[in-house]
Amino acid sequence: MLFIEFNVKLARSLYLCLNLILSVLYSYITVKFISVYNFPIYFILLITTLIEIFIFLDTSYFRILTSIKTKYFYYILIVFSVVVFILKNNINLYYVLTFYFVYYLLISIVLLNYNLFVIEESKSIKAGVTDISLYSNLSKLLGFSLGSYIYKVNIDEYLIVFIIMFVLFSSFKINNFKNETEKNSERLVFNKLKRKYIIINTALLSGTAVFFIPLFIKQLAARNLIQYSSIIFFIPGLTVVLFLILTKKYDINLNKILMSYIIFDIVFFILVVCEVFLPLQVILLSLIVALGVSISIKLRTNFIKINDKDYRKSIVQIFRISAPLFSIILSFVGLYVENIAYYILLINVISAIHVLYVNLRNREHTLLD
């Protein structure tokens, strides 16, 4: 067994690796659903959101799975992976969904613990939130691109790699992983949270890619160009990562970011409606996503600062829920409203204008100190 001191650097590395596993699986299954099973593309989003809601309720109230020590989740993942590998000859749609469901549930709980540790132990809350966002998006950049490119690879080949990784992670004897990080929050009293509208703003500013990337992939599939779907995932991810690295080095004025976001959103809306050159749409979407992530970091940092520290683990989980939950709600609305993606762009503009208005109104005590 390897003895190693647990620190922010190690937590970030493990966070990156585990997120990479989920990102590979997410893109693998998304492309598989579109190109093979002809299954509703938002169904995976529904599954993951329900899991995140369960984790939030368990963290804040039930205390069932989230009370288990992190190291035991690795043992469970190893056993489950071996069982799935043994049953690989019975691969079908339900097999793949079950596999993804269990992986997502167990890994997400571990990620929540690492997420909180990085925020607590970084030099500032903003630095911690930025690091988590950077590593999360970096894993998506690598995982989405890799998963969509090798979507024809058999799932048992993924399993072999995952089992090796889990065995390696479980072999670390982590001697100072703070118990407070693994403990659940105090029972959340939602009415005690300050500036709850921040939750809605961050959710609304995060939904653009969820709706437009699948639409772009459908366009590629219709033109028999599905093999290039990795580009659709790669460019937005790369743009976000580069922008986060830039914002870590330089303090960019929030109001300028908000105004740029609003302008790009409007221009992108025009390009989509007019069906202008697809690569140009992808590039502009990438800029919108990057700006939205930057705004979201500042909002989340402020929300964590101003609210009770005893609720911090629940608050971190709230932000994992909010964006996909709003995306699901809007997806259901989309069943009855044609071209819902277009309306989402307009909603994003309104949300950004609201944040800009509040920030300008409170110049002396800005919303995002």
Protein backbone atom coordinates (compact mmCIF):
# COMPACT_ATOMS: atom_id res chain seq x y z
CA MET A 1 0.00 0.00 0.00
CA LEU A 2 1.32 3.43 -0.93
CA PHE A 3 1.55 6.04 1.83
CA ILE A 4 0.99 9.53 0.53
CA GLU A 5 0.00 12.84 2.07
CA PHE A 6 -3.33 14.06 0.81
CA ASN A 7 -3.17 17.66 -0.41
CA VAL A 8 -4.87 20.00 -2.88
CA LYS A 9 -2.60 18.93 -5.73
CA LEU A 10 -3.46 15.24 -5.26
CA ALA A 11 -7.16 16.05 -4.83
CA ARG A 12 -7.15 17.98 -8.10
CA SER A 13 -5.38 15.12 -9.90
CA LEU A 14 -7.85 12.51 -8.65
CA TYR A 15 -10.72 14.87 -9.44
CA LEU A 16 -9.42 15.19 -13.01
CA CYS A 17 -9.04 11.43 -13.48
CA LEU A 18 -12.48 10.55 -12.12
CA ASN A 19 -14.15 13.30 -14.13
CA LEU A 20 -12.29 12.01 -17.17
CA ILE A 21 -13.88 8.60 -16.68
CA LEU A 22 -17.37 10.11 -16.50
CA SER A 23 -16.72 12.38 -19.49
CA VAL A 24 -15.53 9.48 -21.66
CA LEU A 25 -18.61 7.48 -20.72
CA TYR A 26 -20.97 10.41 -21.25
CA SER A 27 -19.73 11.18 -24.76
CA TYR A 28 -19.46 7.47 -25.60
CA ILE A 29 -23.07 6.84 -24.62
CA THR A 30 -24.38 10.09 -26.17
CA VAL A 31 -22.90 9.27 -29.58
CA LYS A 32 -23.98 5.63 -29.19
CA PHE A 33 -27.56 6.68 -28.47
CA ILE A 34 -27.68 8.96 -31.48
CA SER A 35 -25.93 6.70 -34.00
CA VAL A 36 -26.96 3.19 -32.83
CA TYR A 37 -29.94 3.05 -30.48
CA ASN A 38 -31.88 6.05 -31.83
CA PHE A 39 -32.78 6.86 -28.22
CA PRO A 40 -33.86 10.30 -26.85
CA ILE A 41 -30.63 12.23 -26.39
CA TYR A 42 -31.81 14.04 -23.25
CA PHE A 43 -32.51 10.80 -21.39
CA ILE A 44 -28.91 10.61 -20.13
CA LEU A 45 -29.22 14.16 -18.81
CA LEU A 46 -32.38 13.10 -16.96
CA ILE A 47 -30.58 10.13 -15.39
CA THR A 48 -27.58 12.18 -14.25
CA THR A 49 -29.77 14.94 -12.85
CA LEU A 50 -31.86 12.48 -10.83
CA ILE A 51 -28.63 11.04 -9.44
CA GLU A 52 -27.37 14.50 -8.49
CA ILE A 53 -30.68 15.28 -6.79
CA PHE A 54 -30.43 12.05 -4.79
CA ILE A 55 -26.86 12.94 -3.74
CA PHE A 56 -28.04 16.40 -2.65
CA LEU A 57 -30.89 14.95 -0.58
CA ASP A 58 -28.60 12.31 0.87
CA THR A 59 -25.95 14.90 1.76
CA SER A 60 -28.42 17.33 3.31
CA TYR A 61 -30.98 15.01 4.91
CA PHE A 62 -30.80 11.19 4.49
CA ARG A 63 -27.07 10.53 5.09
CA ILE A 64 -27.06 7.04 3.54
CA LEU A 65 -24.43 6.73 0.79
CA THR A 66 -22.66 10.04 1.41
CA SER A 67 -21.73 8.91 4.93
CA ILE A 68 -19.53 6.12 3.50
CA LYS A 69 -15.78 6.74 3.52
CA THR A 70 -14.26 7.67 0.16
CA LYS A 71 -11.87 4.71 0.04
CA TYR A 72 -14.76 2.23 0.23
CA PHE A 73 -16.29 3.65 -2.94
CA TYR A 74 -13.17 2.60 -4.82
CA TYR A 75 -13.58 -0.95 -3.53
CA ILE A 76 -17.23 -0.98 -4.62
CA LEU A 77 -16.29 0.36 -8.06
CA ILE A 78 -13.65 -2.37 -8.50
CA VAL A 79 -16.11 -5.15 -7.60
CA PHE A 80 -18.86 -3.68 -9.78
CA SER A 81 -16.49 -3.26 -12.74
CA VAL A 82 -15.37 -6.88 -12.48
CA VAL A 83 -19.00 -8.08 -12.39
CA VAL A 84 -19.88 -5.92 -15.42
CA PHE A 85 -16.82 -7.26 -17.24
CA ILE A 86 -17.93 -10.85 -16.57
CA LEU A 87 -21.39 -10.05 -17.98
CA LYS A 88 -20.00 -8.30 -21.06
CA ASN A 89 -21.53 -10.88 -23.44
CA ASN A 90 -25.01 -9.55 -22.64
CA ILE A 91 -24.39 -5.97 -23.73
CA ASN A 92 -27.55 -4.09 -24.70
CA LEU A 93 -29.16 -0.73 -24.07
CA TYR A 94 -30.16 -1.57 -20.47
CA TYR A 95 -26.72 -2.97 -19.71
CA VAL A 96 -25.08 0.27 -20.84
CA LEU A 97 -27.54 2.44 -18.90
CA THR A 98 -27.09 0.43 -15.68
CA PHE A 99 -23.35 0.55 -16.07
CA TYR A 100 -23.40 4.33 -16.52
CA PHE A 101 -25.94 4.87 -13.72
CA VAL A 102 -23.87 3.05 -11.07
CA TYR A 103 -20.58 4.58 -12.19
CA TYR A 104 -22.04 8.07 -12.20
CA LEU A 105 -23.60 7.68 -8.74
CA LEU A 106 -20.53 6.32 -6.97
CA ILE A 107 -17.95 8.51 -8.68
CA SER A 108 -20.05 11.66 -8.18
CA ILE A 109 -20.08 11.15 -4.41
CA VAL A 110 -16.29 10.82 -4.40
CA LEU A 111 -15.99 13.91 -6.60
CA LEU A 112 -18.14 15.89 -4.16
CA ASN A 113 -15.69 15.12 -1.35
CA TYR A 114 -12.69 16.11 -3.46
CA ASN A 115 -14.52 19.22 -4.67
CA LEU A 116 -15.13 20.40 -1.11
CA PHE A 117 -11.55 19.59 -0.06
CA VAL A 118 -10.09 21.74 -2.85
CA ILE A 119 -12.37 24.67 -1.98
CA GLU A 120 -11.58 24.42 1.72
CA GLU A 121 -7.82 24.00 1.36
CA SER A 122 -7.05 26.40 -1.51
CA LYS A 123 -5.63 29.85 -0.80
CA SER A 124 -9.08 31.36 -1.43
CA ILE A 125 -12.60 30.22 -2.26
CA LYS A 126 -12.33 31.80 -5.70
CA ALA A 127 -9.07 29.92 -6.38
CA GLY A 128 -10.67 26.65 -5.28
CA VAL A 129 -13.82 27.14 -7.35
CA THR A 130 -11.72 28.16 -10.38
CA ASP A 131 -9.46 25.11 -10.01
CA ILE A 132 -12.44 22.77 -9.77
CA SER A 133 -14.02 24.35 -12.84
CA LEU A 134 -10.71 24.23 -14.75
CA TYR A 135 -10.08 20.56 -13.99
CA SER A 136 -13.71 19.65 -14.62
CA ASN A 137 -13.66 21.29 -18.04
CA LEU A 138 -10.22 19.88 -18.84
CA SER A 139 -11.54 16.38 -18.14
CA LYS A 140 -14.57 17.07 -20.33
CA LEU A 141 -12.29 18.36 -23.08
CA LEU A 142 -10.25 15.15 -23.02
CA GLY A 143 -13.09 12.78 -22.19
CA PHE A 144 -15.69 14.10 -24.61
CA SER A 145 -13.21 14.21 -27.46
CA LEU A 146 -11.84 10.75 -26.70
CA GLY A 147 -15.23 9.17 -26.02
CA SER A 148 -16.85 10.50 -29.17
CA TYR A 149 -13.86 9.55 -31.30
CA ILE A 150 -13.62 5.92 -30.09
CA TYR A 151 -17.34 5.31 -29.69
CA LYS A 152 -16.99 2.04 -31.62
CA VAL A 153 -14.66 0.59 -28.97
CA ASN A 154 -16.26 -2.20 -26.93
CA ILE A 155 -17.25 -1.25 -23.41
CA ASP A 156 -15.22 -4.09 -21.89
CA GLU A 157 -12.04 -2.41 -23.17
CA TYR A 158 -13.00 0.70 -21.22
CA LEU A 159 -13.59 -1.47 -18.17
CA ILE A 160 -10.08 -2.86 -18.16
CA VAL A 161 -8.63 0.65 -18.02
CA PHE A 162 -11.11 1.74 -15.34
CA ILE A 163 -10.39 -1.27 -13.12
CA ILE A 164 -6.65 -0.54 -13.27
CA MET A 165 -7.28 3.09 -12.32
CA PHE A 166 -9.54 2.19 -9.37
CA VAL A 167 -7.04 -0.37 -8.06
CA LEU A 168 -4.32 2.29 -8.26
CA PHE A 169 -6.42 4.92 -6.48
CA SER A 170 -7.47 2.48 -3.74
CA SER A 171 -3.83 1.53 -3.13
CA PHE A 172 -3.02 5.00 -1.79
CA LYS A 173 -2.94 5.07 2.01
CA ILE A 174 -4.12 8.64 2.43
CA ASN A 175 -3.22 9.53 6.00
CA ASN A 176 -4.60 13.04 6.42
CA PHE A 177 -7.76 13.30 4.30
CA LYS A 178 -9.79 15.56 6.60
CA ASN A 179 -12.81 13.88 8.12
CA GLU A 180 -14.70 17.18 7.89
CA THR A 181 -14.56 16.96 4.11
CA GLU A 182 -16.26 13.56 4.12
CA LYS A 183 -18.89 14.57 6.64
CA ASN A 184 -22.28 15.75 5.45
CA SER A 185 -23.52 19.31 5.86
CA GLU A 186 -25.85 20.43 8.57
CA ARG A 187 -29.44 19.77 7.60
CA LEU A 188 -30.07 22.41 5.00
CA VAL A 189 -32.67 25.07 5.75
CA PHE A 190 -33.21 26.50 2.29
CA ASN A 191 -34.83 29.72 3.50
CA LYS A 192 -31.61 30.62 5.35
CA LEU A 193 -29.63 30.78 2.12
CA LYS A 194 -28.84 34.33 0.99
CA ARG A 195 -29.14 35.58 -2.62
CA LYS A 196 -30.87 32.42 -3.85
CA TYR A 197 -31.38 34.02 -7.27
CA ILE A 198 -27.69 33.29 -7.94
CA ILE A 199 -28.61 29.60 -8.23
CA ILE A 200 -31.06 30.42 -11.03
CA ASN A 201 -28.61 32.73 -12.81
CA THR A 202 -25.82 30.14 -12.86
CA ALA A 203 -28.23 27.47 -14.08
CA LEU A 204 -29.55 29.59 -16.94
CA LEU A 205 -26.06 30.62 -18.05
CA SER A 206 -24.94 26.99 -18.30
CA GLY A 207 -27.50 25.39 -20.59
CA THR A 208 -26.54 26.55 -24.08
CA ALA A 209 -24.08 23.78 -24.95
CA VAL A 210 -26.42 21.07 -23.63
CA PHE A 211 -28.97 21.91 -26.30
CA PHE A 212 -26.81 22.96 -29.23
CA ILE A 213 -24.06 20.32 -29.22
CA PRO A 214 -26.58 17.49 -29.80
CA LEU A 215 -28.17 19.57 -32.57
CA PHE A 216 -24.76 20.03 -34.20
CA ILE A 217 -24.08 16.28 -33.92
CA LYS A 218 -27.42 15.57 -35.58
CA GLN A 219 -26.42 17.81 -38.47
CA LEU A 220 -23.19 15.86 -38.86
CA ALA A 221 -25.04 12.54 -38.69
CA ALA A 222 -27.47 13.72 -41.38
CA ARG A 223 -24.49 14.45 -43.62
CA ASN A 224 -22.77 11.12 -42.79
CA LEU A 225 -20.01 13.01 -40.96
CA ILE A 226 -20.51 11.53 -37.49
CA GLN A 227 -16.80 10.64 -37.33
CA TYR A 228 -16.10 14.36 -36.89
CA SER A 229 -18.35 14.68 -33.84
CA SER A 230 -15.28 14.83 -31.58
CA ILE A 231 -14.61 18.33 -32.97
CA ILE A 232 -18.00 19.52 -31.74
CA PHE A 233 -17.04 18.46 -28.20
CA PHE A 234 -13.40 19.50 -28.43
CA ILE A 235 -13.58 23.14 -29.53
CA PRO A 236 -15.93 24.40 -26.74
CA GLY A 237 -13.93 22.48 -24.13
CA LEU A 238 -10.62 23.85 -25.36
CA THR A 239 -11.98 27.39 -25.39
CA VAL A 240 -13.23 27.08 -21.80
CA VAL A 241 -9.94 25.66 -20.54
CA LEU A 242 -7.87 28.37 -22.24
CA PHE A 243 -10.18 31.10 -20.94
CA LEU A 244 -10.02 29.74 -17.37
CA ILE A 245 -6.23 29.66 -17.52
CA LEU A 246 -6.34 33.27 -18.69
CA THR A 247 -8.67 34.34 -15.87
CA LYS A 248 -6.43 32.65 -13.29
CA LYS A 249 -3.55 34.87 -14.39
CA TYR A 250 -5.46 38.07 -15.07
CA ASP A 251 -8.40 39.65 -13.28
CA ILE A 252 -10.89 40.39 -16.08
CA ASN A 253 -13.64 42.90 -15.33
CA LEU A 254 -16.95 41.10 -14.82
CA ASN A 255 -19.05 43.77 -16.50
CA LYS A 256 -16.99 43.45 -19.68
CA ILE A 257 -17.45 39.67 -19.59
CA LEU A 258 -21.21 40.09 -19.18
CA MET A 259 -21.49 42.58 -22.03
CA SER A 260 -19.41 40.34 -24.30
CA TYR A 261 -21.62 37.38 -23.37
CA ILE A 262 -24.79 39.29 -24.26
CA ILE A 263 -23.40 40.46 -27.62
CA PHE A 264 -22.10 36.99 -28.60
CA ASP A 265 -25.39 35.40 -27.59
CA ILE A 266 -27.36 37.72 -29.86
CA VAL A 267 -24.95 37.22 -32.79
CA PHE A 268 -25.05 33.43 -32.31
CA PHE A 269 -28.86 33.53 -32.32
CA ILE A 270 -28.80 35.30 -35.69
CA LEU A 271 -26.29 32.80 -37.14
CA VAL A 272 -28.34 29.79 -35.99
CA VAL A 273 -31.63 31.16 -37.30
CA CYS A 274 -30.01 32.01 -40.64
CA GLU A 275 -28.22 28.60 -40.72
CA VAL A 276 -24.87 30.21 -41.37
CA PHE A 277 -21.69 28.09 -41.84
CA LEU A 278 -21.69 25.40 -39.08
CA PRO A 279 -17.99 25.77 -38.06
CA LEU A 280 -18.60 29.47 -37.39
CA GLN A 281 -21.57 28.56 -35.16
CA VAL A 282 -19.39 26.11 -33.23
CA ILE A 283 -16.67 28.72 -32.68
CA LEU A 284 -19.15 31.32 -31.45
CA LEU A 285 -20.87 28.78 -29.19
CA SER A 286 -17.46 27.98 -27.71
CA LEU A 287 -16.92 31.62 -26.80
CA ILE A 288 -20.38 31.84 -25.24
CA VAL A 289 -19.76 28.71 -23.14
CA ALA A 290 -16.36 30.02 -21.97
CA LEU A 291 -17.80 33.39 -20.92
CA GLY A 292 -20.72 31.67 -19.21
CA VAL A 293 -18.36 29.47 -17.17
CA SER A 294 -16.35 32.52 -16.10
CA ILE A 295 -19.50 34.32 -14.94
CA SER A 296 -20.69 31.20 -13.14
CA ILE A 297 -17.42 30.92 -11.20
CA LYS A 298 -17.79 34.44 -9.87
CA LEU A 299 -21.43 33.84 -8.92
CA ARG A 300 -20.69 30.55 -7.16
CA THR A 301 -17.74 32.03 -5.31
CA ASN A 302 -19.89 34.84 -3.98
CA PHE A 303 -22.70 32.46 -3.00
CA ILE A 304 -20.33 30.19 -1.06
CA LYS A 305 -18.75 33.18 0.72
CA ILE A 306 -21.95 34.78 1.96
CA ASN A 307 -23.68 31.60 3.18
CA ASP A 308 -23.15 29.50 6.30
CA LYS A 309 -20.03 27.30 6.13
CA ASP A 310 -21.98 24.43 7.73
CA TYR A 311 -24.05 24.24 4.54
CA ARG A 312 -21.03 24.28 2.22
CA LYS A 313 -21.18 20.65 1.07
CA SER A 314 -24.88 20.99 0.25
CA ILE A 315 -24.20 24.27 -1.55
CA VAL A 316 -21.50 22.67 -3.69
CA GLN A 317 -23.99 19.94 -4.62
CA ILE A 318 -26.73 22.50 -5.35
CA PHE A 319 -24.60 23.89 -8.17
CA ARG A 320 -24.10 20.39 -9.56
CA ILE A 321 -27.90 20.05 -9.69
CA SER A 322 -29.11 23.45 -10.82
CA ALA A 323 -27.84 23.56 -14.41
CA PRO A 324 -28.95 20.05 -15.50
CA LEU A 325 -32.25 20.42 -13.62
CA PHE A 326 -33.11 23.60 -15.53
CA SER A 327 -32.00 21.90 -18.75
CA ILE A 328 -34.43 19.04 -18.09
CA ILE A 329 -37.28 21.43 -17.31
CA LEU A 330 -36.59 23.32 -20.53
CA SER A 331 -36.33 20.01 -22.41
CA PHE A 332 -39.84 19.07 -21.29
CA VAL A 333 -41.04 22.51 -22.31
CA GLY A 334 -39.38 21.81 -25.65
CA LEU A 335 -41.79 18.92 -26.20
CA TYR A 336 -44.55 21.49 -26.56
CA VAL A 337 -42.61 24.53 -27.76
CA GLU A 338 -40.93 24.33 -31.14
CA ASN A 339 -37.29 25.46 -31.41
CA ILE A 340 -36.82 25.67 -27.63
CA ALA A 341 -33.04 26.09 -28.12
CA TYR A 342 -33.66 29.52 -29.67
CA TYR A 343 -35.65 30.63 -26.65
CA ILE A 344 -32.88 29.42 -24.35
CA LEU A 345 -30.49 31.84 -26.03
CA LEU A 346 -32.90 34.69 -25.29
CA ILE A 347 -33.29 33.49 -21.67
CA ASN A 348 -29.50 33.49 -21.35
CA VAL A 349 -29.37 37.09 -22.52
CA ILE A 350 -32.03 38.10 -19.97
CA SER A 351 -30.16 36.29 -17.19
CA ALA A 352 -26.86 37.99 -18.09
CA ILE A 353 -28.60 41.39 -18.22
CA HIS A 354 -30.00 40.74 -14.73
CA VAL A 355 -26.55 39.96 -13.31
CA LEU A 356 -25.12 43.05 -15.04
CA TYR A 357 -27.95 45.21 -13.68
CA VAL A 358 -27.48 44.00 -10.09
CA ASN A 359 -23.72 44.43 -10.34
CA LEU A 360 -23.99 47.99 -11.69
CA ARG A 361 -26.70 48.93 -9.19
CA ASN A 362 -24.49 47.93 -6.27
CA ARG A 363 -21.26 49.58 -7.31
CA GLU A 364 -20.06 50.12 -3.75
CA HIS A 365 -20.87 46.59 -2.59
CA THR A 366 -20.82 44.69 -5.84
CA LEU A 367 -22.61 41.39 -6.16
CA LEU A 368 -19.39 39.62 -7.01
CA ASP A 369 -16.78 40.99 -4.60
